[in-house]
Protein backbone atom coordinates (compact mmCIF):
# COMPACT_ATOMS: atom_id res chain seq x y z
CA MET A 1 -1.02 -28.55 5.78
CA THR A 2 -4.56 -27.35 6.56
CA LYS A 3 -3.27 -24.86 9.12
CA PHE A 4 -0.78 -23.47 6.59
CA LEU A 5 -3.49 -23.11 3.91
CA LEU A 6 -5.83 -21.43 6.38
CA ALA A 7 -3.11 -19.04 7.55
CA VAL A 8 -2.26 -18.03 3.98
CA HIS A 9 -5.98 -17.65 3.16
CA VAL A 10 -6.58 -15.36 6.16
CA LEU A 11 -3.39 -13.35 5.61
CA ALA A 12 -4.20 -12.91 1.92
CA ALA A 13 -7.69 -11.69 2.83
CA ILE A 14 -6.30 -9.14 5.28
CA VAL A 15 -3.43 -7.96 3.09
CA ALA A 16 -5.29 -7.92 -0.24
CA ILE A 17 -8.94 -7.20 0.49
CA GLY A 18 -8.36 -4.66 3.27
CA PRO A 19 -6.51 -2.11 1.12
CA VAL A 20 -9.11 -2.41 -1.66
CA THR A 21 -12.01 -1.75 0.69
CA VAL A 22 -10.29 1.24 2.30
CA ALA A 23 -8.91 2.81 -0.90
CA ALA A 24 -12.16 2.29 -2.81
CA SER A 25 -14.10 3.89 0.04
CA MET A 26 -11.78 6.91 0.10
CA LEU A 27 -11.69 7.50 -3.66
CA PRO A 28 -15.09 9.19 -4.25
CA ALA A 29 -14.51 11.81 -1.55
CA ALA A 30 -10.92 12.36 -2.71
CA ALA A 31 -12.19 12.92 -6.25
CA ARG A 32 -14.73 15.48 -5.02
CA ARG A 33 -12.03 17.28 -3.04
CA ALA A 34 -9.67 17.19 -6.01
CA GLN A 35 -12.25 18.78 -8.25
CA ALA A 36 -13.29 21.37 -5.69
CA ALA A 37 -9.67 22.44 -5.31
CA ALA A 38 -9.33 23.11 -9.04
CA PRO A 39 -7.35 19.93 -9.59
CA ASP A 40 -3.75 20.36 -8.63
CA ALA A 41 -1.01 17.77 -8.95
CA SER A 42 -1.27 16.68 -5.32
CA SER A 43 -5.03 16.11 -5.22
CA LEU A 44 -5.00 14.27 -8.55
CA ALA A 45 -2.05 12.16 -7.37
CA THR A 46 -4.11 11.08 -4.36
CA VAL A 47 -6.99 9.93 -6.55
CA ARG A 48 -4.58 8.12 -8.91
CA LEU A 49 -2.89 6.40 -5.96
CA LEU A 50 -6.19 5.22 -4.50
CA HIS A 51 -7.25 3.86 -7.88
CA ARG A 52 -3.90 2.12 -8.36
CA ILE A 53 -4.21 0.49 -4.93
CA CYS A 54 -7.65 -0.79 -5.92
CA ARG A 55 -6.42 -2.22 -9.23
CA VAL A 56 -3.22 -3.82 -7.92
CA TYR A 57 -4.69 -5.31 -4.77
CA ALA A 58 -7.75 -6.58 -6.66
CA VAL A 59 -5.39 -8.74 -8.72
CA ILE A 60 -3.52 -9.90 -5.62
CA ALA A 61 -6.88 -10.73 -4.00
CA VAL A 62 -7.30 -13.65 -6.41
CA THR A 63 -5.12 -15.59 -3.95
CA VAL A 64 -7.89 -15.38 -1.33
CA PRO A 65 -10.38 -17.73 -3.04
CA VAL A 66 -7.56 -19.94 -4.35
CA PHE A 67 -6.31 -20.66 -0.84
CA GLY A 68 -9.89 -20.67 0.42
CA PHE A 69 -10.80 -23.53 -1.91
CA ALA A 70 -7.65 -25.40 -0.93
CA THR A 71 -8.44 -24.92 2.76
CA ALA A 72 -12.08 -25.94 2.34
CA SER A 73 -11.05 -29.01 0.40
CA SER A 74 -8.58 -30.09 3.08
CA LEU A 75 -11.24 -29.54 5.76
CA GLY A 76 -13.85 -31.44 3.76
CA VAL A 77 -16.40 -28.62 3.85
CA LEU A 78 -16.76 -27.84 0.13
CA GLY A 79 -20.44 -28.86 0.19
CA ASP A 80 -21.42 -26.93 3.34
CA ALA A 81 -24.12 -24.31 2.84
CA TRP A 82 -22.18 -21.52 4.59
CA LEU A 83 -19.23 -22.09 2.29
CA ILE A 84 -21.36 -22.18 -0.84
CA ALA A 85 -23.01 -18.92 0.27
CA SER A 86 -19.56 -17.43 0.87
CA ILE A 87 -18.38 -18.52 -2.58
CA VAL A 88 -21.42 -16.96 -4.24
CA LEU A 89 -21.03 -13.71 -2.27
CA THR A 90 -17.31 -13.62 -3.08
CA ALA A 91 -18.09 -14.02 -6.78
CA VAL A 92 -20.68 -11.23 -6.59
CA ALA A 93 -18.21 -8.98 -4.74
CA ALA A 94 -15.54 -9.66 -7.36
CA ALA A 95 -18.03 -8.87 -10.14
CA VAL A 96 -19.10 -5.63 -8.45
CA LEU A 97 -15.46 -4.60 -8.13
CA ALA A 98 -14.35 -5.64 -11.62
CA LEU A 99 -17.45 -4.62 -13.58
CA LEU A 100 -18.80 -1.63 -11.67
CA VAL A 101 -16.34 -0.05 -9.24
CA LEU A 102 -13.04 -0.15 -11.14
CA PRO A 103 -14.50 1.01 -14.50
CA ARG A 104 -16.26 3.92 -12.77
CA GLN A 105 -13.04 4.83 -11.01
CA ASP A 106 -11.27 4.78 -14.40
CA ALA A 107 -13.92 7.04 -15.92
CA LEU A 108 -13.80 9.41 -12.97
CA LEU A 109 -10.03 9.66 -13.12
CA THR A 110 -10.13 10.24 -16.88
CA ARG A 111 -12.57 13.12 -16.40
CA LEU A 112 -10.48 14.61 -13.59
CA ASP A 113 -7.33 14.36 -15.71
CA ALA A 114 -9.06 16.04 -18.64
CA GLY A 115 -10.30 18.82 -16.40
CA SER A 116 -13.65 19.01 -18.11
CA PRO A 117 -16.52 18.55 -17.93
CA PRO A 118 -16.79 18.66 -14.15
CA VAL A 119 -17.54 15.39 -12.41
CA GLU A 120 -21.13 15.36 -11.21
CA ARG A 121 -21.74 14.68 -7.54
CA ALA A 122 -24.22 11.97 -8.55
CA ALA A 123 -21.40 10.06 -10.27
CA THR A 124 -19.25 10.03 -7.14
CA ALA A 125 -22.30 9.17 -5.03
CA ARG A 126 -23.06 6.16 -7.26
CA LEU A 127 -19.43 5.09 -7.03
CA ALA A 128 -19.57 5.40 -3.23
CA MET A 129 -22.79 3.35 -3.17
CA LEU A 130 -21.27 0.58 -5.32
CA THR A 131 -18.17 0.59 -3.15
CA GLY A 132 -20.39 0.26 -0.09
CA ILE A 133 -22.12 -2.75 -1.65
CA PHE A 134 -18.73 -4.32 -2.37
CA ASN A 135 -17.64 -3.69 1.23
CA LEU A 136 -20.90 -5.07 2.64
CA LEU A 137 -20.51 -8.25 0.58
CA TRP A 138 -16.99 -8.76 1.94
CA ALA A 139 -18.13 -8.06 5.50
CA THR A 140 -20.84 -10.71 5.09
CA VAL A 141 -18.32 -13.24 3.76
CA THR A 142 -16.02 -12.48 6.69
CA VAL A 143 -18.83 -13.06 9.18
CA LEU A 144 -19.74 -16.34 7.49
CA MET A 145 -16.11 -17.44 7.66
CA ILE A 146 -15.94 -16.69 11.37
CA ILE A 147 -19.32 -18.03 12.46
CA ARG A 148 -19.44 -21.00 10.10
CA PRO A 149 -23.04 -22.11 10.72
CA GLY A 150 -23.17 -25.72 11.83
CA SER A 151 -19.49 -25.87 12.80
CA THR A 152 -18.39 -27.98 15.72
CA THR A 153 -16.29 -25.18 17.22
CA GLY A 154 -19.22 -23.91 19.23
CA ALA A 155 -19.12 -20.50 17.58
């Protein structure tokens, strides 16, 4: 059962978190391009699609910690420091996404749809920075999951 839980946990991380990190990273530049091109249907559709990917896959990503906890419990590592650090970083990443990235994407899309006032470059730069923080948090969690300090695998 542990192997099944681990497989689902890893697959969920790849399938759910990957699209969010890529789409969220692409959105600020796509928004700048959309505005520079005097927003047409195609450029706005791209920004909407990227935002929708972020929202939908963020919800699907809830399966990652669910199966992560189940896997950790079956392995008996719930009290290990590397796992606790990963849980904290995952919670921070989720908070950054839910409280900072997605609302700013919503606001940016609303302004682009309205057509005025123009979106300031500083707003897209802040969104890109927050997205980078989110991505860095997930990269750190991934490294912790692979290295697992103190594991007996020799990694």
